[in-house]
C-alpha cells in the first residue's frame, strides 16, 4: 500500500532538509515542499498562528515506521505533525516505483 505522509516545519530550509534526508535514507521515494502555509493550533493553553512549510512524502506501508522514526529523530519540533494517509488509487507504474525506491536494503 502506498501512503502519503505529511509533516510541517517553521522554515523552508528545514523542510528541504527533512525532504532530502528521508529520500536519501530511502524511507520515502520522493517529497514535495509546499509553503508557506498559515497554521492555527492550540499549544500550551493558547491558540497560536504560525507560518509553516509542509513536506509531503510518498512511501509504502511497510516503510512507514522507518519514515516516522527518521522524522522524529530529524525534526526539531517537540511534537511534530506526522500524518499518514493511504492512497486510494495509484497507477501501477507509480506504485512500483515507490516500492522500488523505498525497498529496505
PDB file of N, CA and C in Angstrom:
ATOM      1  N   UNK A   1       0.832  -1.177   0.000  1.00  0.00           N
ATOM      2  CA  UNK A   1       0.000   0.000   0.000  1.00  0.00           C
ATOM      3  C   UNK A   1       0.880   1.245   0.000  1.00  0.00           C
ATOM      4  N   UNK A   2       0.532   2.204  -0.827  1.00  0.00           N
ATOM      5  CA  UNK A   2       1.253   3.471  -0.902  1.00  0.00           C
ATOM      6  C   UNK A   2       0.610   4.450   0.083  1.00  0.00           C
ATOM      7  N   UNK A   3       1.456   5.219   0.763  1.00  0.00           N
ATOM      8  CA  UNK A   3       0.997   6.231   1.709  1.00  0.00           C
ATOM      9  C   UNK A   3       1.536   7.592   1.312  1.00  0.00           C
ATOM     10  N   UNK A   4       0.776   8.640   1.617  1.00  0.00           N
ATOM     11  CA  UNK A   4       1.332   9.984   1.650  1.00  0.00           C
ATOM     12  C   UNK A   4       1.482  10.330   3.133  1.00  0.00           C
ATOM     13  N   UNK A   5       2.593  10.936   3.478  1.00  0.00           N
ATOM     14  CA  UNK A   5       2.881  11.281   4.868  1.00  0.00           C
ATOM     15  C   UNK A   5       3.205  12.766   4.910  1.00  0.00           C
ATOM     16  N   UNK A   6       2.521  13.472   5.803  1.00  0.00           N
ATOM     17  CA  UNK A   6       2.646  14.919   5.891  1.00  0.00           C
ATOM     18  C   UNK A   6       3.310  15.317   7.200  1.00  0.00           C
ATOM     19  N   UNK A   7       4.230  16.273   7.113  1.00  0.00           N
ATOM     20  CA  UNK A   7       4.748  16.939   8.292  1.00  0.00           C
ATOM     21  C   UNK A   7       4.871  18.420   7.972  1.00  0.00           C
ATOM     22  N   UNK A   8       5.090  19.226   9.012  1.00  0.00           N
ATOM     23  CA  UNK A   8       5.289  20.659   8.830  1.00  0.00           C
ATOM     24  C   UNK A   8       6.497  21.099   9.646  1.00  0.00           C
ATOM     25  N   UNK A   9       7.067  22.211   9.239  1.00  0.00           N
ATOM     26  CA  UNK A   9       8.162  22.815   9.988  1.00  0.00           C
ATOM     27  C   UNK A   9       8.118  24.322   9.767  1.00  0.00           C
ATOM     28  N   UNK A  10       8.927  25.055  10.520  1.00  0.00           N
ATOM     29  CA  UNK A  10       8.799  26.515  10.525  1.00  0.00           C
ATOM     30  C   UNK A  10       9.726  27.253   9.565  1.00  0.00           C
ATOM     31  N   UNK A  11      10.456  26.549   8.729  1.00  0.00           N
ATOM     32  CA  UNK A  11      11.352  27.224   7.780  1.00  0.00           C
ATOM     33  C   UNK A  11      11.533  26.366   6.534  1.00  0.00           C
ATOM     34  N   UNK A  12      11.634  27.035   5.401  1.00  0.00           N
ATOM     35  CA  UNK A  12      11.796  26.321   4.134  1.00  0.00           C
ATOM     36  C   UNK A  12      13.059  25.461   4.130  1.00  0.00           C
ATOM     37  N   UNK A  13      14.170  25.991   4.628  1.00  0.00           N
ATOM     38  CA  UNK A  13      15.399  25.208   4.611  1.00  0.00           C
ATOM     39  C   UNK A  13      15.273  23.960   5.481  1.00  0.00           C
ATOM     40  N   UNK A  14      14.570  24.045   6.606  1.00  0.00           N
ATOM     41  CA  UNK A  14      14.340  22.858   7.440  1.00  0.00           C
ATOM     42  C   UNK A  14      13.479  21.833   6.693  1.00  0.00           C
ATOM     43  N   UNK A  15      12.465  22.321   5.975  1.00  0.00           N
ATOM     44  CA  UNK A  15      11.604  21.429   5.195  1.00  0.00           C
ATOM     45  C   UNK A  15      12.413  20.703   4.129  1.00  0.00           C
ATOM     46  N   UNK A  16      13.294  21.419   3.461  1.00  0.00           N
ATOM     47  CA  UNK A  16      14.117  20.793   2.427  1.00  0.00           C
ATOM     48  C   UNK A  16      15.076  19.772   3.024  1.00  0.00           C
ATOM     49  N   UNK A  17      15.602  20.041   4.211  1.00  0.00           N
ATOM     50  CA  UNK A  17      16.490  19.079   4.885  1.00  0.00           C
ATOM     51  C   UNK A  17      15.712  17.812   5.238  1.00  0.00           C
ATOM     52  N   UNK A  18      14.492  17.973   5.765  1.00  0.00           N
ATOM     53  CA  UNK A  18      13.669  16.803   6.083  1.00  0.00           C
ATOM     54  C   UNK A  18      13.360  15.999   4.822  1.00  0.00           C
ATOM     55  N   UNK A  19      13.014  16.696   3.734  1.00  0.00           N
ATOM     56  CA  UNK A  19      12.686  16.025   2.470  1.00  0.00           C
ATOM     57  C   UNK A  19      13.887  15.261   1.936  1.00  0.00           C
ATOM     58  N   UNK A  20      15.020  15.924   1.820  1.00  0.00           N
ATOM     59  CA  UNK A  20      16.216  15.294   1.267  1.00  0.00           C
ATOM     60  C   UNK A  20      16.690  14.137   2.141  1.00  0.00           C
ATOM     61  N   UNK A  21      16.662  14.331   3.449  1.00  0.00           N
ATOM     62  CA  UNK A  21      17.120  13.285   4.355  1.00  0.00           C
ATOM     63  C   UNK A  21      16.309  12.009   4.232  1.00  0.00           C
ATOM     64  N   UNK A  22      14.984  12.140   4.133  1.00  0.00           N
ATOM     65  CA  UNK A  22      14.123  10.965   4.017  1.00  0.00           C
ATOM     66  C   UNK A  22      14.330  10.251   2.685  1.00  0.00           C
ATOM     67  N   UNK A  23      14.499  11.024   1.611  1.00  0.00           N
ATOM     68  CA  UNK A  23      14.727  10.420   0.296  1.00  0.00           C
ATOM     69  C   UNK A  23      16.102   9.756   0.258  1.00  0.00           C
ATOM     70  N   UNK A  24      17.119  10.416   0.785  1.00  0.00           N
ATOM     71  CA  UNK A  24      18.457   9.814   0.815  1.00  0.00           C
ATOM     72  C   UNK A  24      18.482   8.545   1.657  1.00  0.00           C
ATOM     73  N   UNK A  25      17.696   8.510   2.733  1.00  0.00           N
ATOM     74  CA  UNK A  25      17.635   7.324   3.590  1.00  0.00           C
ATOM     75  C   UNK A  25      16.740   6.236   3.000  1.00  0.00           C
ATOM     76  N   UNK A  26      16.090   6.548   1.885  1.00  0.00           N
ATOM     77  CA  UNK A  26      15.214   5.618   1.167  1.00  0.00           C
ATOM     78  C   UNK A  26      13.999   5.193   1.993  1.00  0.00           C
ATOM     79  N   UNK A  27      13.589   6.052   2.927  1.00  0.00           N
ATOM     80  CA  UNK A  27      12.341   5.804   3.656  1.00  0.00           C
ATOM     81  C   UNK A  27      11.172   6.516   2.983  1.00  0.00           C
ATOM     82  N   UNK A  28      11.479   7.334   1.982  1.00  0.00           N
ATOM     83  CA  UNK A  28      10.477   7.964   1.116  1.00  0.00           C
ATOM     84  C   UNK A  28      11.033   7.956  -0.298  1.00  0.00           C
ATOM     85  N   UNK A  29      10.152   7.745  -1.260  1.00  0.00           N
ATOM     86  CA  UNK A  29      10.580   7.757  -2.663  1.00  0.00           C
ATOM     87  C   UNK A  29      10.782   9.186  -3.152  1.00  0.00           C
ATOM     88  N   UNK A  30       9.963  10.086  -2.634  1.00  0.00           N
ATOM     89  CA  UNK A  30      10.057  11.496  -3.023  1.00  0.00           C
ATOM     90  C   UNK A  30       9.367  12.334  -1.969  1.00  0.00           C
ATOM     91  N   UNK A  31       9.564  13.637  -2.060  1.00  0.00           N
ATOM     92  CA  UNK A  31       8.923  14.567  -1.130  1.00  0.00           C
ATOM     93  C   UNK A  31       8.749  15.907  -1.820  1.00  0.00           C
ATOM     94  N   UNK A  32       7.634  16.551  -1.527  1.00  0.00           N
ATOM     95  CA  UNK A  32       7.386  17.895  -2.027  1.00  0.00           C
ATOM     96  C   UNK A  32       7.315  18.858  -0.851  1.00  0.00           C
ATOM     97  N   UNK A  33       7.942  20.010  -1.025  1.00  0.00           N
ATOM     98  CA  UNK A  33       7.896  21.080  -0.025  1.00  0.00           C
ATOM     99  C   UNK A  33       6.908  22.121  -0.538  1.00  0.00           C
ATOM    100  N   UNK A  34       5.926  22.455   0.295  1.00  0.00           N
ATOM    101  CA  UNK A  34       4.866  23.390  -0.074  1.00  0.00           C
ATOM    102  C   UNK A  34       4.790  24.487   0.981  1.00  0.00           C
ATOM    103  N   UNK A  35       4.713  25.714   0.542  1.00  0.00           N
ATOM    104  CA  UNK A  35       4.535  26.767   1.537  1.00  0.00           C
ATOM    105  C   UNK A  35       5.004  28.103   1.020  1.00  0.00           C
ATOM    106  N   UNK A  36       4.858  29.057   1.866  1.00  0.00           N
ATOM    107  CA  UNK A  36       4.393  28.916   3.240  1.00  0.00           C
ATOM    108  C   UNK A  36       2.885  28.739   3.328  1.00  0.00           C
ATOM    109  N   UNK A  37       2.456  28.111   4.425  1.00  0.00           N
ATOM    110  CA  UNK A  37       1.053  27.981   4.774  1.00  0.00           C
ATOM    111  C   UNK A  37       0.870  28.605   6.153  1.00  0.00           C
ATOM    112  N   UNK A  38      -0.346  28.992   6.465  1.00  0.00           N
ATOM    113  CA  UNK A  38      -0.640  29.529   7.789  1.00  0.00           C
ATOM    114  C   UNK A  38      -1.288  28.428   8.615  1.00  0.00           C
ATOM    115  N   UNK A  39      -0.700  28.124   9.762  1.00  0.00           N
ATOM    116  CA  UNK A  39      -1.237  27.117  10.666  1.00  0.00           C
ATOM    117  C   UNK A  39      -1.807  27.804  11.900  1.00  0.00           C
ATOM    118  N   UNK A  40      -2.977  27.339  12.318  1.00  0.00           N
ATOM    119  CA  UNK A  40      -3.622  27.828  13.532  1.00  0.00           C
ATOM    120  C   UNK A  40      -3.868  26.604  14.403  1.00  0.00           C
ATOM    121  N   UNK A  41      -3.412  26.657  15.667  1.00  0.00           N
ATOM    122  CA  UNK A  41      -3.457  25.455  16.502  1.00  0.00           C
ATOM    123  C   UNK A  41      -3.410  25.824  17.986  1.00  0.00           C
ATOM    124  N   UNK A  42      -3.861  24.901  18.813  1.00  0.00           N
ATOM    125  CA  UNK A  42      -3.732  25.033  20.266  1.00  0.00           C
ATOM    126  C   UNK A  42      -2.349  24.540  20.660  1.00  0.00           C
ATOM    127  N   UNK A  43      -1.643  25.291  21.501  1.00  0.00           N
ATOM    128  CA  UNK A  43      -0.347  24.863  22.021  1.00  0.00           C
ATOM    129  C   UNK A  43      -0.155  25.489  23.394  1.00  0.00           C
ATOM    130  N   UNK A  44      -0.008  24.639  24.380  1.00  0.00           N
ATOM    131  CA  UNK A  44       0.243  25.076  25.760  1.00  0.00           C
ATOM    132  C   UNK A  44      -0.783  26.111  26.216  1.00  0.00           C
ATOM    133  N   UNK A  45      -2.063  25.752  26.062  1.00  0.00           N
ATOM    134  CA  UNK A  45      -3.206  26.537  26.546  1.00  0.00           C
ATOM    135  C   UNK A  45      -3.437  27.862  25.801  1.00  0.00           C
ATOM    136  N   UNK A  46      -2.863  27.989  24.626  1.00  0.00           N
ATOM    137  CA  UNK A  46      -3.081  29.209  23.838  1.00  0.00           C
ATOM    138  C   UNK A  46      -3.339  28.820  22.385  1.00  0.00           C
ATOM    139  N   UNK A  47      -4.055  29.678  21.689  1.00  0.00           N
ATOM    140  CA  UNK A  47      -4.236  29.493  20.253  1.00  0.00           C
ATOM    141  C   UNK A  47      -3.110  30.246  19.569  1.00  0.00           C
ATOM    142  N   UNK A  48      -2.344  29.530  18.777  1.00  0.00           N
ATOM    143  CA  UNK A  48      -1.182  30.089  18.089  1.00  0.00           C
ATOM    144  C   UNK A  48      -1.441  30.159  16.589  1.00  0.00           C
ATOM    145  N   UNK A  49      -0.774  31.069  15.930  1.00  0.00           N
ATOM    146  CA  UNK A  49      -0.767  31.162  14.472  1.00  0.00           C
ATOM    147  C   UNK A  49       0.687  31.235  14.044  1.00  0.00           C
ATOM    148  N   UNK A  50       1.041  30.419  13.053  1.00  0.00           N
ATOM    149  CA  UNK A  50       2.441  30.388  12.616  1.00  0.00           C
ATOM    150  C   UNK A  50       2.514  30.154  11.114  1.00  0.00           C
ATOM    151  N   UNK A  51       3.575  30.656  10.537  1.00  0.00           N
ATOM    152  CA  UNK A  51       3.888  30.366   9.143  1.00  0.00           C
ATOM    153  C   UNK A  51       4.706  29.079   9.122  1.00  0.00           C
ATOM    154  N   UNK A  52       4.275  28.117   8.317  1.00  0.00           N
ATOM    155  CA  UNK A  52       4.974  26.833   8.234  1.00  0.00           C
ATOM    156  C   UNK A  52       5.099  26.388   6.786  1.00  0.00           C
ATOM    157  N   UNK A  53       5.934  25.398   6.596  1.00  0.00           N
ATOM    158  CA  UNK A  53       6.102  24.730   5.307  1.00  0.00           C
ATOM    159  C   UNK A  53       5.696  23.283   5.499  1.00  0.00           C
ATOM    160  N   UNK A  54       4.932  22.760   4.550  1.00  0.00           N
ATOM    161  CA  UNK A  54       4.519  21.363   4.584  1.00  0.00           C
ATOM    162  C   UNK A  54       5.494  20.536   3.763  1.00  0.00           C
ATOM    163  N   UNK A  55       5.731  19.321   4.222  1.00  0.00           N
ATOM    164  CA  UNK A  55       6.504  18.356   3.444  1.00  0.00           C
ATOM    165  C   UNK A  55       5.617  17.133   3.276  1.00  0.00           C
ATOM    166  N   UNK A  56       5.381  16.747   2.030  1.00  0.00           N
ATOM    167  CA  UNK A  56       4.540  15.609   1.697  1.00  0.00           C
ATOM    168  C   UNK A  56       5.421  14.510   1.104  1.00  0.00           C
ATOM    169  N   UNK A  57       5.496  13.395   1.806  1.00  0.00           N
ATOM    170  CA  UNK A  57       6.333  12.258   1.403  1.00  0.00           C
ATOM    171  C   UNK A  57       5.466  11.176   0.772  1.00  0.00           C
ATOM    172  N   UNK A  58       6.050  10.392  -0.145  1.00  0.00           N
ATOM    173  CA  UNK A  58       5.413   9.189  -0.676  1.00  0.00           C
ATOM    174  C   UNK A  58       6.255   8.008  -0.215  1.00  0.00           C
ATOM    175  N   UNK A  59       5.591   7.029   0.415  1.00  0.00           N
ATOM    176  CA  UNK A  59       6.285   5.843   0.918  1.00  0.00           C
ATOM    177  C   UNK A  59       5.330   4.664   0.872  1.00  0.00           C
ATOM    178  N   UNK A  60       5.753   3.550   1.417  1.00  0.00           N
ATOM    179  CA  UNK A  60       4.906   2.365   1.495  1.00  0.00           C
ATOM    180  C   UNK A  60       4.513   2.115   2.946  1.00  0.00           C
ATOM    181  N   UNK A  61       3.454   1.353   3.117  1.00  0.00           N
ATOM    182  CA  UNK A  61       3.029   0.968   4.457  1.00  0.00           C
ATOM    183  C   UNK A  61       4.162   0.234   5.179  1.00  0.00           C
ATOM    184  N   UNK A  62       4.894  -0.586   4.448  1.00  0.00           N
ATOM    185  CA  UNK A  62       5.997  -1.348   5.044  1.00  0.00           C
ATOM    186  C   UNK A  62       7.115  -0.445   5.563  1.00  0.00           C
ATOM    187  N   UNK A  63       7.309   0.722   4.963  1.00  0.00           N
ATOM    188  CA  UNK A  63       8.398   1.619   5.364  1.00  0.00           C
ATOM    189  C   UNK A  63       7.934   2.775   6.248  1.00  0.00           C
ATOM    190  N   UNK A  64       6.620   2.826   6.552  1.00  0.00           N
ATOM    191  CA  UNK A  64       6.116   3.937   7.349  1.00  0.00           C
ATOM    192  C   UNK A  64       6.835   4.060   8.691  1.00  0.00           C
ATOM    193  N   UNK A  65       7.011   2.973   9.409  1.00  0.00           N
ATOM    194  CA  UNK A  65       7.666   3.032  10.718  1.00  0.00           C
ATOM    195  C   UNK A  65       9.060   3.613  10.638  1.00  0.00           C
ATOM    196  N   UNK A  66       9.789   3.243   9.591  1.00  0.00           N
ATOM    197  CA  UNK A  66      11.138   3.782   9.406  1.00  0.00           C
ATOM    198  C   UNK A  66      11.099   5.279   9.081  1.00  0.00           C
ATOM    199  N   UNK A  67      10.123   5.694   8.257  1.00  0.00           N
ATOM    200  CA  UNK A  67       9.989   7.118   7.943  1.00  0.00           C
ATOM    201  C   UNK A  67       9.610   7.895   9.201  1.00  0.00           C
ATOM    202  N   UNK A  68       8.666   7.390   9.974  1.00  0.00           N
ATOM    203  CA  UNK A  68       8.277   8.086  11.200  1.00  0.00           C
ATOM    204  C   UNK A  68       9.474   8.218  12.146  1.00  0.00           C
ATOM    205  N   UNK A  69      10.222   7.149  12.320  1.00  0.00           N
ATOM    206  CA  UNK A  69      11.405   7.197  13.200  1.00  0.00           C
ATOM    207  C   UNK A  69      12.414   8.215  12.686  1.00  0.00           C
ATOM    208  N   UNK A  70      12.618   8.244  11.372  1.00  0.00           N
ATOM    209  CA  UNK A  70      13.542   9.202  10.764  1.00  0.00           C
ATOM    210  C   UNK A  70      13.082  10.634  11.039  1.00  0.00           C
ATOM    211  N   UNK A  71      11.796  10.902  10.844  1.00  0.00           N
ATOM    212  CA  UNK A  71      11.274  12.251  11.057  1.00  0.00           C
ATOM    213  C   UNK A  71      11.360  12.652  12.522  1.00  0.00           C
ATOM    214  N   UNK A  72      11.042  11.754  13.427  1.00  0.00           N
ATOM    215  CA  UNK A  72      11.132  12.073  14.861  1.00  0.00           C
ATOM    216  C   UNK A  72      12.569  12.424  15.254  1.00  0.00           C
ATOM    217  N   UNK A  73      13.540  11.698  14.695  1.00  0.00           N
ATOM    218  CA  UNK A  73      14.949  11.956  15.014  1.00  0.00           C
ATOM    219  C   UNK A  73      15.443  13.260  14.392  1.00  0.00           C
ATOM    220  N   UNK A  74      14.951  13.592  13.199  1.00  0.00           N
ATOM    221  CA  UNK A  74      15.467  14.746  12.461  1.00  0.00           C
ATOM    222  C   UNK A  74      14.704  16.039  12.748  1.00  0.00           C
ATOM    223  N   UNK A  75      13.497  15.936  13.256  1.00  0.00           N
ATOM    224  CA  UNK A  75      12.623  17.100  13.429  1.00  0.00           C
ATOM    225  C   UNK A  75      12.976  17.853  14.705  1.00  0.00           C
ATOM    226  N   UNK A  76      12.863  19.178  14.664  1.00  0.00           N
ATOM    227  CA  UNK A  76      13.168  19.965  15.865  1.00  0.00           C
ATOM    228  C   UNK A  76      11.924  20.358  16.663  1.00  0.00           C
ATOM    229  N   UNK A  77      10.725  19.969  16.225  1.00  0.00           N
ATOM    230  CA  UNK A  77       9.516  20.253  16.997  1.00  0.00           C
ATOM    231  C   UNK A  77       9.404  19.274  18.169  1.00  0.00           C
ATOM    232  N   UNK A  78       8.877  19.759  19.277  1.00  0.00           N
ATOM    233  CA  UNK A  78       8.637  18.904  20.442  1.00  0.00           C
ATOM    234  C   UNK A  78       7.617  17.808  20.116  1.00  0.00           C
ATOM    235  N   UNK A  79       6.562  18.193  19.384  1.00  0.00           N
ATOM    236  CA  UNK A  79       5.521  17.251  18.961  1.00  0.00           C
ATOM    237  C   UNK A  79       5.275  17.453  17.471  1.00  0.00           C
ATOM    238  N   UNK A  80       6.088  16.840  16.628  1.00  0.00           N
ATOM    239  CA  UNK A  80       5.917  17.077  15.186  1.00  0.00           C
ATOM    240  C   UNK A  80       4.636  16.443  14.652  1.00  0.00           C
ATOM    241  N   UNK A  81       4.037  17.138  13.715  1.00  0.00           N
ATOM    242  CA  UNK A  81       2.894  16.583  12.987  1.00  0.00           C
ATOM    243  C   UNK A  81       3.424  15.530  12.030  1.00  0.00           C
ATOM    244  N   UNK A  82       2.953  14.307  12.170  1.00  0.00           N
ATOM    245  CA  UNK A  82       3.299  13.226  11.237  1.00  0.00           C
ATOM    246  C   UNK A  82       1.999  12.484  10.967  1.00  0.00           C
ATOM    247  N   UNK A  83       1.417  12.727   9.796  1.00  0.00           N
ATOM    248  CA  UNK A  83       0.121  12.156   9.428  1.00  0.00           C
ATOM    249  C   UNK A  83       0.292  11.287   8.192  1.00  0.00           C
ATOM    250  N   UNK A  84      -0.164  10.038   8.270  1.00  0.00           N
ATOM    251  CA  UNK A  84      -0.096   9.136   7.122  1.00  0.00           C
ATOM    252  C   UNK A  84      -1.498   8.888   6.589  1.00  0.00           C
ATOM    253  N   UNK A  85      -1.634   8.957   5.273  1.00  0.00           N
ATOM    254  CA  UNK A  85      -2.911   8.716   4.612  1.00  0.00           C
ATOM    255  C   UNK A  85      -2.716   7.666   3.520  1.00  0.00           C
ATOM    256  N   UNK A  86      -3.501   6.597   3.544  1.00  0.00           N
ATOM    257  CA  UNK A  86      -3.403   5.613   2.459  1.00  0.00           C
ATOM    258  C   UNK A  86      -3.884   6.229   1.147  1.00  0.00           C
ATOM    259  N   UNK A  87      -3.219   5.890   0.074  1.00  0.00           N
ATOM    260  CA  UNK A  87      -3.611   6.361  -1.256  1.00  0.00           C
ATOM    261  C   UNK A  87      -4.652   5.381  -1.798  1.00  0.00           C
ATOM    262  N   UNK A  88      -5.847   5.871  -2.079  1.00  0.00           N
ATOM    263  CA  UNK A  88      -6.946   5.017  -2.521  1.00  0.00           C
ATOM    264  C   UNK A  88      -6.723   4.471  -3.929  1.00  0.00           C
ATOM    265  N   UNK A  89      -6.159   5.279  -4.796  1.00  0.00           N
ATOM    266  CA  UNK A  89      -5.909   4.866  -6.185  1.00  0.00           C
ATOM    267  C   UNK A  89      -4.545   5.375  -6.584  1.00  0.00           C
ATOM    268  N   UNK A  90      -3.801   4.541  -7.301  1.00  0.00           N
ATOM    269  CA  UNK A  90      -2.469   4.921  -7.779  1.00  0.00           C
ATOM    270  C   UNK A  90      -2.168   4.088  -9.017  1.00  0.00           C
ATOM    271  N   UNK A  91      -1.474   4.685  -9.970  1.00  0.00           N
ATOM    272  CA  UNK A  91      -1.115   3.910 -11.160  1.00  0.00           C
ATOM    273  C   UNK A  91      -0.144   2.803 -10.763  1.00  0.00           C
ATOM    274  N   UNK A  92      -0.233   1.691 -11.437  1.00  0.00           N
ATOM    275  CA  UNK A  92       0.631   0.541 -11.141  1.00  0.00           C
ATOM    276  C   UNK A  92       2.100   0.914 -11.297  1.00  0.00           C
ATOM    277  N   UNK A  93       2.426   1.692 -12.317  1.00  0.00           N
ATOM    278  CA  UNK A  93       3.824   2.077 -12.555  1.00  0.00           C
ATOM    279  C   UNK A  93       4.362   2.942 -11.421  1.00  0.00           C
ATOM    280  N   UNK A  94       3.551   3.889 -10.958  1.00  0.00           N
ATOM    281  CA  UNK A  94       4.000   4.765  -9.879  1.00  0.00           C
ATOM    282  C   UNK A  94       4.151   3.969  -8.586  1.00  0.00           C
ATOM    283  N   UNK A  95       3.214   3.091  -8.297  1.00  0.00           N
ATOM    284  CA  UNK A  95       3.295   2.268  -7.093  1.00  0.00           C
ATOM    285  C   UNK A  95       4.558   1.416  -7.109  1.00  0.00           C
ATOM    286  N   UNK A  96       4.868   0.815  -8.257  1.00  0.00           N
ATOM    287  CA  UNK A  96       6.106   0.010  -8.375  1.00  0.00           C
ATOM    288  C   UNK A  96       7.334   0.875  -8.126  1.00  0.00           C
ATOM    289  N   UNK A  97       7.335   2.095  -8.676  1.00  0.00           N
ATOM    290  CA  UNK A  97       8.473   2.993  -8.484  1.00  0.00           C
ATOM    291  C   UNK A  97       8.650   3.326  -7.004  1.00  0.00           C
ATOM    292  N   UNK A  98       7.562   3.670  -6.317  1.00  0.00           N
ATOM    293  CA  UNK A  98       7.655   3.980  -4.884  1.00  0.00           C
ATOM    294  C   UNK A  98       8.183   2.762  -4.129  1.00  0.00           C
ATOM    295  N   UNK A  99       7.672   1.587  -4.429  1.00  0.00           N
ATOM    296  CA  UNK A  99       8.129   0.362  -3.766  1.00  0.00           C
ATOM    297  C   UNK A  99       9.609   0.106  -4.026  1.00  0.00           C
ATOM    298  N   UNK A 100      10.058   0.300  -5.269  1.00  0.00           N
ATOM    299  CA  UNK A 100      11.476   0.080  -5.612  1.00  0.00           C
ATOM    300  C   UNK A 100      12.377   1.069  -4.902  1.00  0.00           C
ATOM    301  N   UNK A 101      11.969   2.344  -4.856  1.00  0.00           N
ATOM    302  CA  UNK A 101      12.811   3.384  -4.275  1.00  0.00           C
ATOM    303  C   UNK A 101      12.874   3.325  -2.754  1.00  0.00           C
ATOM    304  N   UNK A 102      11.919   2.651  -2.132  1.00  0.00           N
ATOM    305  CA  UNK A 102      11.898   2.580  -0.680  1.00  0.00           C
ATOM    306  C   UNK A 102      12.193   1.169  -0.158  1.00  0.00           C
ATOM    307  N   UNK A 103      12.592   0.273  -1.053  1.00  0.00           N
ATOM    308  CA  UNK A 103      12.879  -1.103  -0.615  1.00  0.00           C
ATOM    309  C   UNK A 103      13.981  -1.091   0.430  1.00  0.00           C
ATOM    310  N   UNK A 104      13.760  -1.829   1.504  1.00  0.00           N
ATOM    311  CA  UNK A 104      14.756  -1.916   2.564  1.00  0.00           C
ATOM    312  C   UNK A 104      16.024  -2.556   2.021  1.00  0.00           C
ATOM    313  N   UNK A 105      17.190  -2.054   2.441  1.00  0.00           N
ATOM    314  CA  UNK A 105      18.456  -2.615   1.924  1.00  0.00           C
ATOM    315  C   UNK A 105      18.668  -4.056   2.362  1.00  0.00           C
TER     316      UNK A 105
END
